Amino acid sequence: MWRQLVFVLWIALQTICFSHVTFTNLKCTALDEKYMEFPTCQIKAVNRSHKYVDICTKFHRLPIQSAWVKVKFMKFDHGYKPFFIDLSYDACKFLKDKAKHPIAFMFFRSFMNSSNLNHSCPYNHDVIVDKLYTGELETEFSRLIPIPNGDYAIFTDWSTENIPRASVRIYMKILGN
């Protein structure tokens, strides 16, 4: 019995731990350009198999006292359809106490070292995601959650003062090695 369990775990680790994520597209949309804009929203290639994301958000009205984020994990199946749970959080409260929301924290951990989103509100500066490398997503998601090969997207919608301000869509492909 234990040999079968070890064999199943070994097979599972092959598919879970050795997945490769590559960014395929990125779309940043400012819904109110008088409030904010995206001077930088791009994917850059490190080499043929690895890419990183750069996003710079310039705010024209500061400080930001309240922020809300909605995150949807999508899988392509004749169009993008919900794949995992949808998250919706008061970003300011989340940044004060990340431990209360473990799934959101796992998502946040995938980009926190590449971003200046490192404190709670108020925000008196622009928000930057600098060189978010695909390896960060591989570490946080592919190794912890069994994700089948395919095309995926992370759709985020950002609001401040209860007004929708921006949407960021990150498209990626996940392949097992």
N, C-alpha and C. Protein backbone atom coordinates (compact mmCIF):
# COMPACT_ATOMS: atom_id res chain seq x y z
N MET A 1 0.82 -1.19 0.00
CA MET A 1 0.00 0.00 0.00
C MET A 1 0.86 1.25 0.00
N TRP A 2 1.88 1.29 0.88
CA TRP A 2 2.71 2.49 0.96
C TRP A 2 3.51 2.70 -0.31
N ARG A 3 3.86 1.60 -1.01
CA ARG A 3 4.60 1.73 -2.27
C ARG A 3 3.74 2.40 -3.33
N GLN A 4 2.45 2.06 -3.36
CA GLN A 4 1.55 2.71 -4.30
C GLN A 4 1.42 4.20 -3.99
N LEU A 5 1.35 4.54 -2.72
CA LEU A 5 1.25 5.94 -2.32
C LEU A 5 2.51 6.71 -2.73
N VAL A 6 3.67 6.13 -2.50
CA VAL A 6 4.93 6.78 -2.89
C VAL A 6 4.97 6.94 -4.41
N PHE A 7 4.55 5.94 -5.15
CA PHE A 7 4.54 6.02 -6.61
C PHE A 7 3.61 7.13 -7.10
N VAL A 8 2.40 7.19 -6.54
CA VAL A 8 1.44 8.23 -6.93
C VAL A 8 1.99 9.61 -6.58
N LEU A 9 2.60 9.77 -5.41
CA LEU A 9 3.20 11.06 -5.03
C LEU A 9 4.34 11.43 -5.97
N TRP A 10 5.15 10.46 -6.35
CA TRP A 10 6.27 10.73 -7.26
C TRP A 10 5.75 11.19 -8.61
N ILE A 11 4.71 10.55 -9.14
CA ILE A 11 4.11 10.97 -10.41
C ILE A 11 3.50 12.36 -10.28
N ALA A 12 2.81 12.60 -9.18
CA ALA A 12 2.19 13.92 -8.96
C ALA A 12 3.26 15.01 -8.89
N LEU A 13 4.36 14.73 -8.20
CA LEU A 13 5.43 15.73 -8.11
C LEU A 13 6.03 16.03 -9.47
N GLN A 14 6.09 15.03 -10.34
CA GLN A 14 6.61 15.28 -11.68
C GLN A 14 5.75 16.30 -12.43
N THR A 15 4.44 16.22 -12.25
CA THR A 15 3.57 17.13 -12.98
C THR A 15 3.38 18.46 -12.25
N ILE A 16 3.45 18.44 -10.91
CA ILE A 16 3.22 19.67 -10.16
C ILE A 16 4.49 20.52 -10.09
N CYS A 17 5.61 19.93 -9.73
CA CYS A 17 6.80 20.71 -9.42
C CYS A 17 7.57 21.15 -10.65
N PHE A 18 7.34 20.55 -11.77
CA PHE A 18 8.17 20.87 -12.91
C PHE A 18 7.38 21.55 -14.02
N SER A 19 6.37 22.30 -13.64
CA SER A 19 5.61 23.07 -14.62
C SER A 19 6.40 24.32 -14.97
N HIS A 20 6.21 24.78 -16.19
CA HIS A 20 6.87 25.99 -16.66
C HIS A 20 5.81 27.00 -17.04
N VAL A 21 5.95 28.22 -16.54
CA VAL A 21 5.02 29.31 -16.84
C VAL A 21 5.71 30.28 -17.78
N THR A 22 5.00 30.71 -18.81
CA THR A 22 5.52 31.76 -19.68
C THR A 22 4.41 32.77 -19.94
N PHE A 23 4.75 34.04 -19.84
CA PHE A 23 3.78 35.09 -20.12
C PHE A 23 3.53 35.16 -21.63
N THR A 24 2.27 35.29 -22.02
CA THR A 24 1.95 35.38 -23.44
C THR A 24 1.38 36.73 -23.84
N ASN A 25 0.74 37.44 -22.90
CA ASN A 25 0.18 38.76 -23.21
C ASN A 25 -0.07 39.50 -21.91
N LEU A 26 -0.17 40.82 -22.03
CA LEU A 26 -0.41 41.69 -20.88
C LEU A 26 -1.21 42.88 -21.35
N LYS A 27 -2.30 43.18 -20.66
CA LYS A 27 -3.13 44.33 -21.00
C LYS A 27 -3.41 45.14 -19.75
N CYS A 28 -3.03 46.39 -19.77
CA CYS A 28 -3.29 47.31 -18.66
C CYS A 28 -4.22 48.40 -19.19
N THR A 29 -5.34 48.60 -18.51
CA THR A 29 -6.32 49.58 -18.96
C THR A 29 -6.65 50.53 -17.82
N ALA A 30 -6.42 51.81 -18.05
CA ALA A 30 -6.83 52.84 -17.10
C ALA A 30 -8.25 53.24 -17.48
N LEU A 31 -9.18 53.11 -16.55
CA LEU A 31 -10.57 53.43 -16.84
C LEU A 31 -10.86 54.92 -16.70
N ASP A 32 -9.99 55.64 -16.01
CA ASP A 32 -10.11 57.09 -15.84
C ASP A 32 -8.71 57.68 -15.98
N GLU A 33 -8.37 58.15 -17.18
CA GLU A 33 -7.01 58.62 -17.43
C GLU A 33 -6.70 59.94 -16.73
N LYS A 34 -7.71 60.64 -16.23
CA LYS A 34 -7.45 61.83 -15.42
C LYS A 34 -7.01 61.44 -14.02
N TYR A 35 -7.35 60.24 -13.62
CA TYR A 35 -6.98 59.75 -12.30
C TYR A 35 -5.63 59.04 -12.32
N MET A 36 -5.40 58.24 -13.37
CA MET A 36 -4.17 57.43 -13.44
C MET A 36 -3.89 57.02 -14.87
N GLU A 37 -2.66 56.54 -15.10
CA GLU A 37 -2.27 56.02 -16.40
C GLU A 37 -1.19 54.95 -16.21
N PHE A 38 -0.95 54.21 -17.28
CA PHE A 38 0.08 53.17 -17.28
C PHE A 38 1.18 53.57 -18.26
N PRO A 39 2.22 54.30 -17.83
CA PRO A 39 3.31 54.63 -18.76
C PRO A 39 4.05 53.38 -19.24
N THR A 40 4.08 52.35 -18.39
CA THR A 40 4.75 51.09 -18.76
C THR A 40 3.82 49.93 -18.47
N CYS A 41 3.64 49.08 -19.46
CA CYS A 41 2.86 47.85 -19.32
C CYS A 41 3.37 46.91 -20.40
N GLN A 42 4.37 46.11 -20.06
CA GLN A 42 5.03 45.31 -21.10
C GLN A 42 5.58 44.00 -20.57
N ILE A 43 5.76 43.09 -21.51
CA ILE A 43 6.45 41.83 -21.26
C ILE A 43 7.78 41.91 -21.97
N LYS A 44 8.85 41.54 -21.28
CA LYS A 44 10.18 41.53 -21.89
C LYS A 44 10.75 40.13 -21.80
N ALA A 45 11.45 39.73 -22.84
CA ALA A 45 12.05 38.39 -22.87
C ALA A 45 13.43 38.41 -22.21
N VAL A 46 13.67 37.46 -21.32
CA VAL A 46 14.98 37.26 -20.73
C VAL A 46 15.78 36.36 -21.68
N ASN A 47 15.13 35.30 -22.14
CA ASN A 47 15.68 34.40 -23.15
C ASN A 47 14.48 33.76 -23.86
N ARG A 48 14.69 32.70 -24.60
CA ARG A 48 13.58 32.11 -25.36
C ARG A 48 12.48 31.54 -24.49
N SER A 49 12.81 31.12 -23.28
CA SER A 49 11.80 30.45 -22.47
C SER A 49 11.31 31.26 -21.26
N HIS A 50 12.01 32.32 -20.88
CA HIS A 50 11.61 33.08 -19.70
C HIS A 50 11.39 34.55 -20.05
N LYS A 51 10.33 35.10 -19.46
CA LYS A 51 9.97 36.49 -19.69
C LYS A 51 9.63 37.12 -18.35
N TYR A 52 9.61 38.44 -18.34
CA TYR A 52 9.17 39.13 -17.14
C TYR A 52 8.23 40.28 -17.51
N VAL A 53 7.49 40.74 -16.51
CA VAL A 53 6.49 41.78 -16.69
C VAL A 53 6.97 43.05 -15.98
N ASP A 54 6.80 44.19 -16.65
CA ASP A 54 7.03 45.50 -16.05
C ASP A 54 5.74 46.29 -16.16
N ILE A 55 5.27 46.82 -15.02
CA ILE A 55 4.08 47.67 -15.00
C ILE A 55 4.40 48.88 -14.13
N CYS A 56 4.13 50.06 -14.66
CA CYS A 56 4.27 51.28 -13.88
C CYS A 56 2.92 51.98 -13.91
N THR A 57 2.38 52.27 -12.73
CA THR A 57 1.09 52.95 -12.61
C THR A 57 1.36 54.34 -12.06
N LYS A 58 1.03 55.35 -12.85
CA LYS A 58 1.22 56.75 -12.43
C LYS A 58 -0.13 57.32 -12.01
N PHE A 59 -0.19 57.78 -10.76
CA PHE A 59 -1.42 58.37 -10.23
C PHE A 59 -1.36 59.87 -10.33
N HIS A 60 -2.46 60.49 -10.75
CA HIS A 60 -2.53 61.94 -10.87
C HIS A 60 -3.19 62.58 -9.66
N ARG A 61 -3.82 61.75 -8.82
CA ARG A 61 -4.44 62.24 -7.57
C ARG A 61 -4.00 61.35 -6.42
N LEU A 62 -3.21 61.92 -5.55
CA LEU A 62 -2.72 61.20 -4.38
C LEU A 62 -3.11 61.98 -3.13
N PRO A 63 -3.20 61.37 -2.00
CA PRO A 63 -2.90 59.98 -1.66
C PRO A 63 -4.09 59.06 -1.94
N ILE A 64 -3.78 57.79 -1.99
CA ILE A 64 -4.81 56.76 -2.12
C ILE A 64 -5.12 56.27 -0.71
N GLN A 65 -6.32 56.52 -0.27
CA GLN A 65 -6.74 56.18 1.09
C GLN A 65 -7.45 54.83 1.16
N SER A 66 -8.10 54.45 0.06
CA SER A 66 -8.82 53.18 0.05
C SER A 66 -8.64 52.53 -1.32
N ALA A 67 -8.56 51.21 -1.31
CA ALA A 67 -8.40 50.48 -2.57
C ALA A 67 -9.05 49.12 -2.44
N TRP A 68 -9.63 48.67 -3.52
CA TRP A 68 -10.30 47.38 -3.57
C TRP A 68 -9.79 46.64 -4.80
N VAL A 69 -9.53 45.36 -4.68
CA VAL A 69 -9.06 44.57 -5.82
C VAL A 69 -9.91 43.32 -5.95
N LYS A 70 -10.23 42.99 -7.21
CA LYS A 70 -10.90 41.74 -7.54
C LYS A 70 -9.97 40.95 -8.44
N VAL A 71 -9.76 39.69 -8.10
CA VAL A 71 -8.85 38.83 -8.86
C VAL A 71 -9.63 37.62 -9.33
N LYS A 72 -9.53 37.34 -10.64
CA LYS A 72 -10.17 36.16 -11.22
C LYS A 72 -9.11 35.33 -11.92
N PHE A 73 -9.08 34.06 -11.61
CA PHE A 73 -8.18 33.12 -12.26
C PHE A 73 -8.97 32.45 -13.38
N MET A 74 -8.48 32.56 -14.62
CA MET A 74 -9.22 32.10 -15.78
C MET A 74 -8.41 31.04 -16.54
N LYS A 75 -9.13 30.12 -17.17
CA LYS A 75 -8.51 29.11 -18.05
C LYS A 75 -9.17 29.21 -19.42
N PHE A 76 -8.34 29.10 -20.46
CA PHE A 76 -8.88 29.17 -21.81
C PHE A 76 -9.49 27.83 -22.20
N ASP A 77 -10.77 27.86 -22.54
CA ASP A 77 -11.51 26.69 -23.01
C ASP A 77 -12.63 27.23 -23.89
N HIS A 78 -12.32 27.48 -25.16
CA HIS A 78 -13.27 28.15 -26.06
C HIS A 78 -13.66 29.50 -25.47
N GLY A 79 -12.65 30.29 -25.11
CA GLY A 79 -12.84 31.55 -24.41
C GLY A 79 -12.36 31.39 -22.97
N TYR A 80 -12.06 32.49 -22.32
CA TYR A 80 -11.58 32.42 -20.94
C TYR A 80 -12.76 32.25 -19.99
N LYS A 81 -12.64 31.20 -19.16
CA LYS A 81 -13.69 30.87 -18.20
C LYS A 81 -13.08 30.77 -16.81
N PRO A 82 -13.85 31.03 -15.75
CA PRO A 82 -13.30 30.92 -14.39
C PRO A 82 -12.71 29.54 -14.14
N PHE A 83 -11.53 29.53 -13.49
CA PHE A 83 -10.81 28.29 -13.25
C PHE A 83 -10.69 27.99 -11.76
N PHE A 84 -10.42 28.98 -10.99
CA PHE A 84 -10.17 28.83 -9.56
C PHE A 84 -11.13 29.77 -8.85
N ILE A 85 -10.96 29.99 -7.61
CA ILE A 85 -11.87 30.89 -6.90
C ILE A 85 -11.57 32.34 -7.27
N ASP A 86 -12.59 33.18 -7.21
CA ASP A 86 -12.43 34.61 -7.39
C ASP A 86 -12.14 35.22 -6.02
N LEU A 87 -11.22 36.16 -6.01
CA LEU A 87 -10.87 36.85 -4.77
C LEU A 87 -11.32 38.30 -4.88
N SER A 88 -11.79 38.85 -3.79
CA SER A 88 -12.18 40.24 -3.74
C SER A 88 -11.81 40.76 -2.36
N TYR A 89 -10.93 41.76 -2.32
CA TYR A 89 -10.40 42.21 -1.04
C TYR A 89 -10.29 43.72 -0.98
N ASP A 90 -10.47 44.21 0.24
CA ASP A 90 -10.09 45.58 0.56
C ASP A 90 -8.56 45.55 0.64
N ALA A 91 -7.90 46.13 -0.33
CA ALA A 91 -6.44 46.03 -0.42
C ALA A 91 -5.74 46.67 0.78
N CYS A 92 -6.28 47.75 1.29
CA CYS A 92 -5.66 48.42 2.43
C CYS A 92 -5.71 47.54 3.68
N LYS A 93 -6.85 46.91 3.92
CA LYS A 93 -6.98 46.02 5.08
C LYS A 93 -6.10 44.78 4.90
N PHE A 94 -6.06 44.25 3.68
CA PHE A 94 -5.22 43.08 3.41
C PHE A 94 -3.75 43.39 3.70
N LEU A 95 -3.27 44.55 3.24
CA LEU A 95 -1.86 44.89 3.44
C LEU A 95 -1.53 45.13 4.91
N LYS A 96 -2.52 45.45 5.74
CA LYS A 96 -2.29 45.60 7.18
C LYS A 96 -2.09 44.25 7.85
N ASP A 97 -2.85 43.22 7.42
CA ASP A 97 -2.79 41.90 8.05
C ASP A 97 -2.95 40.82 7.00
N LYS A 98 -1.85 40.45 6.37
CA LYS A 98 -1.87 39.48 5.27
C LYS A 98 -2.18 38.07 5.75
N ALA A 99 -1.87 37.76 6.98
CA ALA A 99 -2.04 36.39 7.49
C ALA A 99 -3.51 35.97 7.57
N LYS A 100 -4.42 36.89 7.60
CA LYS A 100 -5.84 36.55 7.69
C LYS A 100 -6.39 35.99 6.39
N HIS A 101 -5.65 36.16 5.29
CA HIS A 101 -6.15 35.75 3.98
C HIS A 101 -5.07 34.93 3.27
N PRO A 102 -4.95 33.63 3.57
CA PRO A 102 -3.84 32.83 3.04
C PRO A 102 -3.84 32.68 1.52
N ILE A 103 -4.98 32.56 0.88
CA ILE A 103 -4.99 32.41 -0.59
C ILE A 103 -4.57 33.72 -1.25
N ALA A 104 -5.09 34.83 -0.75
CA ALA A 104 -4.68 36.13 -1.28
C ALA A 104 -3.20 36.37 -1.02
N PHE A 105 -2.71 35.93 0.13
CA PHE A 105 -1.30 36.11 0.44
C PHE A 105 -0.42 35.28 -0.49
N MET A 106 -0.86 34.08 -0.85
CA MET A 106 -0.09 33.27 -1.80
C MET A 106 0.01 34.00 -3.14
N PHE A 107 -1.09 34.59 -3.60
CA PHE A 107 -1.07 35.36 -4.84
C PHE A 107 -0.16 36.58 -4.68
N PHE A 108 -0.27 37.29 -3.57
CA PHE A 108 0.53 38.49 -3.32
C PHE A 108 2.01 38.15 -3.25
N ARG A 109 2.35 37.01 -2.62
CA ARG A 109 3.76 36.60 -2.51
C ARG A 109 4.41 36.41 -3.86
N SER A 110 3.61 36.06 -4.88
CA SER A 110 4.19 35.83 -6.20
C SER A 110 4.73 37.10 -6.84
N PHE A 111 4.29 38.28 -6.38
CA PHE A 111 4.82 39.51 -6.96
C PHE A 111 5.31 40.53 -5.94
N MET A 112 5.27 40.24 -4.65
CA MET A 112 5.63 41.25 -3.66
C MET A 112 7.10 41.66 -3.72
N ASN A 113 8.00 40.77 -4.10
CA ASN A 113 9.42 41.13 -4.19
C ASN A 113 9.74 41.96 -5.42
N SER A 114 8.80 42.01 -6.36
CA SER A 114 8.98 42.79 -7.58
C SER A 114 8.20 44.08 -7.56
N SER A 115 7.58 44.40 -6.43
CA SER A 115 6.67 45.53 -6.38
C SER A 115 6.95 46.43 -5.19
N ASN A 116 6.46 47.67 -5.29
CA ASN A 116 6.55 48.58 -4.14
C ASN A 116 5.23 48.59 -3.37
N LEU A 117 4.37 47.61 -3.59
CA LEU A 117 3.16 47.43 -2.78
C LEU A 117 3.56 46.71 -1.50
N ASN A 118 4.20 47.44 -0.59
CA ASN A 118 4.76 46.79 0.59
C ASN A 118 4.29 47.41 1.91
N HIS A 119 3.27 48.24 1.85
CA HIS A 119 2.74 48.83 3.08
C HIS A 119 1.26 49.10 2.89
N SER A 120 0.57 49.37 3.97
CA SER A 120 -0.87 49.65 3.87
C SER A 120 -1.09 51.11 3.49
N CYS A 121 -2.33 51.45 3.27
CA CYS A 121 -2.70 52.80 2.86
C CYS A 121 -2.41 53.79 3.98
N PRO A 122 -2.14 55.02 3.65
CA PRO A 122 -2.27 55.67 2.34
C PRO A 122 -1.03 55.47 1.47
N TYR A 123 -1.26 55.48 0.16
CA TYR A 123 -0.19 55.44 -0.84
C TYR A 123 0.00 56.84 -1.38
N ASN A 124 1.22 57.35 -1.22
CA ASN A 124 1.55 58.69 -1.69
C ASN A 124 2.53 58.64 -2.87
N HIS A 125 2.54 57.52 -3.56
CA HIS A 125 3.49 57.34 -4.66
C HIS A 125 2.87 56.44 -5.72
N ASP A 126 3.52 56.40 -6.87
CA ASP A 126 3.08 55.52 -7.95
C ASP A 126 3.35 54.07 -7.56
N VAL A 127 2.66 53.15 -8.23
CA VAL A 127 2.81 51.72 -7.95
C VAL A 127 3.57 51.09 -9.11
N ILE A 128 4.58 50.32 -8.76
CA ILE A 128 5.46 49.72 -9.77
C ILE A 128 5.57 48.22 -9.53
N VAL A 129 5.48 47.45 -10.60
CA VAL A 129 5.85 46.04 -10.60
C VAL A 129 7.02 45.96 -11.57
N ASP A 130 8.19 45.64 -11.05
CA ASP A 130 9.43 45.69 -11.83
C ASP A 130 10.02 44.30 -11.96
N LYS A 131 10.07 43.81 -13.17
CA LYS A 131 10.68 42.52 -13.48
C LYS A 131 10.04 41.36 -12.71
N LEU A 132 8.71 41.24 -12.83
CA LEU A 132 8.01 40.07 -12.29
C LEU A 132 8.34 38.90 -13.20
N TYR A 133 9.18 38.04 -12.73
CA TYR A 133 9.73 36.92 -13.49
C TYR A 133 8.78 35.72 -13.40
N THR A 134 8.68 34.96 -14.45
CA THR A 134 7.78 33.81 -14.46
C THR A 134 8.12 32.80 -13.37
N GLY A 135 9.36 32.74 -12.96
CA GLY A 135 9.77 31.82 -11.90
C GLY A 135 9.03 32.06 -10.59
N GLU A 136 8.65 33.30 -10.32
CA GLU A 136 7.90 33.60 -9.10
C GLU A 136 6.53 32.92 -9.15
N LEU A 137 5.87 32.95 -10.30
CA LEU A 137 4.57 32.29 -10.43
C LEU A 137 4.72 30.78 -10.37
N GLU A 138 5.79 30.24 -10.96
CA GLU A 138 6.03 28.81 -10.90
C GLU A 138 6.18 28.36 -9.44
N THR A 139 6.91 29.13 -8.66
CA THR A 139 7.14 28.79 -7.26
C THR A 139 5.85 28.81 -6.46
N GLU A 140 5.07 29.86 -6.61
CA GLU A 140 3.88 30.03 -5.78
C GLU A 140 2.71 29.14 -6.19
N PHE A 141 2.45 29.02 -7.49
CA PHE A 141 1.24 28.32 -7.92
C PHE A 141 1.51 26.91 -8.42
N SER A 142 2.38 26.75 -9.36
CA SER A 142 2.56 25.44 -9.99
C SER A 142 3.05 24.39 -9.02
N ARG A 143 3.82 24.79 -8.05
CA ARG A 143 4.36 23.81 -7.10
C ARG A 143 3.40 23.49 -5.97
N LEU A 144 2.44 24.35 -5.72
CA LEU A 144 1.53 24.15 -4.59
C LEU A 144 0.16 23.67 -5.02
N ILE A 145 -0.27 24.06 -6.19
CA ILE A 145 -1.60 23.70 -6.67
C ILE A 145 -1.43 22.94 -7.97
N PRO A 146 -1.98 21.73 -8.09
CA PRO A 146 -1.84 21.01 -9.36
C PRO A 146 -2.64 21.70 -10.46
N ILE A 147 -1.93 22.28 -11.41
CA ILE A 147 -2.56 23.03 -12.50
C ILE A 147 -2.25 22.31 -13.81
N PRO A 148 -3.29 21.89 -14.54
CA PRO A 148 -3.04 21.21 -15.82
C PRO A 148 -2.44 22.15 -16.86
N ASN A 149 -1.77 21.58 -17.84
CA ASN A 149 -1.22 22.37 -18.95
C ASN A 149 -2.34 23.15 -19.63
N GLY A 150 -1.99 24.32 -20.15
CA GLY A 150 -2.98 25.09 -20.89
C GLY A 150 -2.70 26.58 -20.84
N ASP A 151 -3.64 27.33 -21.40
CA ASP A 151 -3.57 28.78 -21.41
C ASP A 151 -4.43 29.32 -20.28
N TYR A 152 -3.86 30.26 -19.53
CA TYR A 152 -4.52 30.82 -18.36
C TYR A 152 -4.41 32.34 -18.38
N ALA A 153 -5.20 32.97 -17.54
CA ALA A 153 -5.12 34.42 -17.37
C ALA A 153 -5.47 34.76 -15.93
N ILE A 154 -4.91 35.85 -15.48
CA ILE A 154 -5.28 36.43 -14.19
C ILE A 154 -5.86 37.80 -14.50
N PHE A 155 -7.13 37.97 -14.22
CA PHE A 155 -7.82 39.24 -14.46
C PHE A 155 -7.93 39.96 -13.13
N THR A 156 -7.43 41.19 -13.07
CA THR A 156 -7.56 41.99 -11.86
C THR A 156 -8.29 43.29 -12.19
N ASP A 157 -9.16 43.69 -11.30
CA ASP A 157 -9.88 44.96 -11.41
C ASP A 157 -9.61 45.74 -10.13
N TRP A 158 -9.21 47.01 -10.29
CA TRP A 158 -8.80 47.85 -9.18
C TRP A 158 -9.75 49.03 -9.04
N SER A 159 -10.14 49.31 -7.80
CA SER A 159 -11.01 50.45 -7.50
C SER A 159 -10.42 51.26 -6.36
N THR A 160 -10.65 52.57 -6.40
CA THR A 160 -10.35 53.43 -5.26
C THR A 160 -11.56 54.31 -5.05
N GLU A 161 -11.82 54.64 -3.80
CA GLU A 161 -12.98 55.47 -3.46
C GLU A 161 -14.27 54.89 -4.04
N ASN A 162 -14.36 53.57 -4.11
CA ASN A 162 -15.51 52.84 -4.67
C ASN A 162 -15.77 53.15 -6.14
N ILE A 163 -14.74 53.58 -6.86
CA ILE A 163 -14.86 53.88 -8.29
C ILE A 163 -13.88 52.98 -9.05
N PRO A 164 -14.34 52.21 -10.04
CA PRO A 164 -13.42 51.39 -10.84
C PRO A 164 -12.38 52.27 -11.54
N ARG A 165 -11.09 51.92 -11.36
CA ARG A 165 -10.02 52.75 -11.90
C ARG A 165 -9.17 52.07 -12.97
N ALA A 166 -8.97 50.74 -12.82
CA ALA A 166 -8.06 50.07 -13.75
C ALA A 166 -8.35 48.59 -13.82
N SER A 167 -7.90 48.00 -14.92
CA SER A 167 -7.91 46.54 -15.03
C SER A 167 -6.56 46.11 -15.60
N VAL A 168 -6.05 45.03 -15.06
CA VAL A 168 -4.79 44.45 -15.55
C VAL A 168 -5.07 42.99 -15.84
N ARG A 169 -4.74 42.57 -17.06
CA ARG A 169 -4.94 41.19 -17.49
C ARG A 169 -3.57 40.60 -17.85
N ILE A 170 -3.21 39.52 -17.16
CA ILE A 170 -1.96 38.82 -17.43
C ILE A 170 -2.31 37.46 -18.02
N TYR A 171 -1.83 37.20 -19.22
CA TYR A 171 -2.09 35.95 -19.90
C TYR A 171 -0.81 35.11 -19.88
N MET A 172 -0.99 33.80 -19.67
CA MET A 172 0.18 32.93 -19.56
C MET A 172 -0.14 31.53 -20.07
N LYS A 173 0.92 30.81 -20.33
CA LYS A 173 0.81 29.40 -20.73
C LYS A 173 1.56 28.59 -19.70
N ILE A 174 0.94 27.47 -19.28
CA ILE A 174 1.58 26.57 -18.33
C ILE A 174 1.81 25.24 -19.04
N LEU A 175 3.06 24.81 -19.02
CA LEU A 175 3.44 23.55 -19.67
C LEU A 175 4.26 22.73 -18.70
N GLY A 176 4.01 21.44 -18.64
CA GLY A 176 4.84 20.53 -17.85
C GLY A 176 6.08 20.20 -18.65
N ASN A 177 7.18 20.02 -17.96
CA ASN A 177 8.42 19.67 -18.66
C ASN A 177 8.52 18.18 -18.87
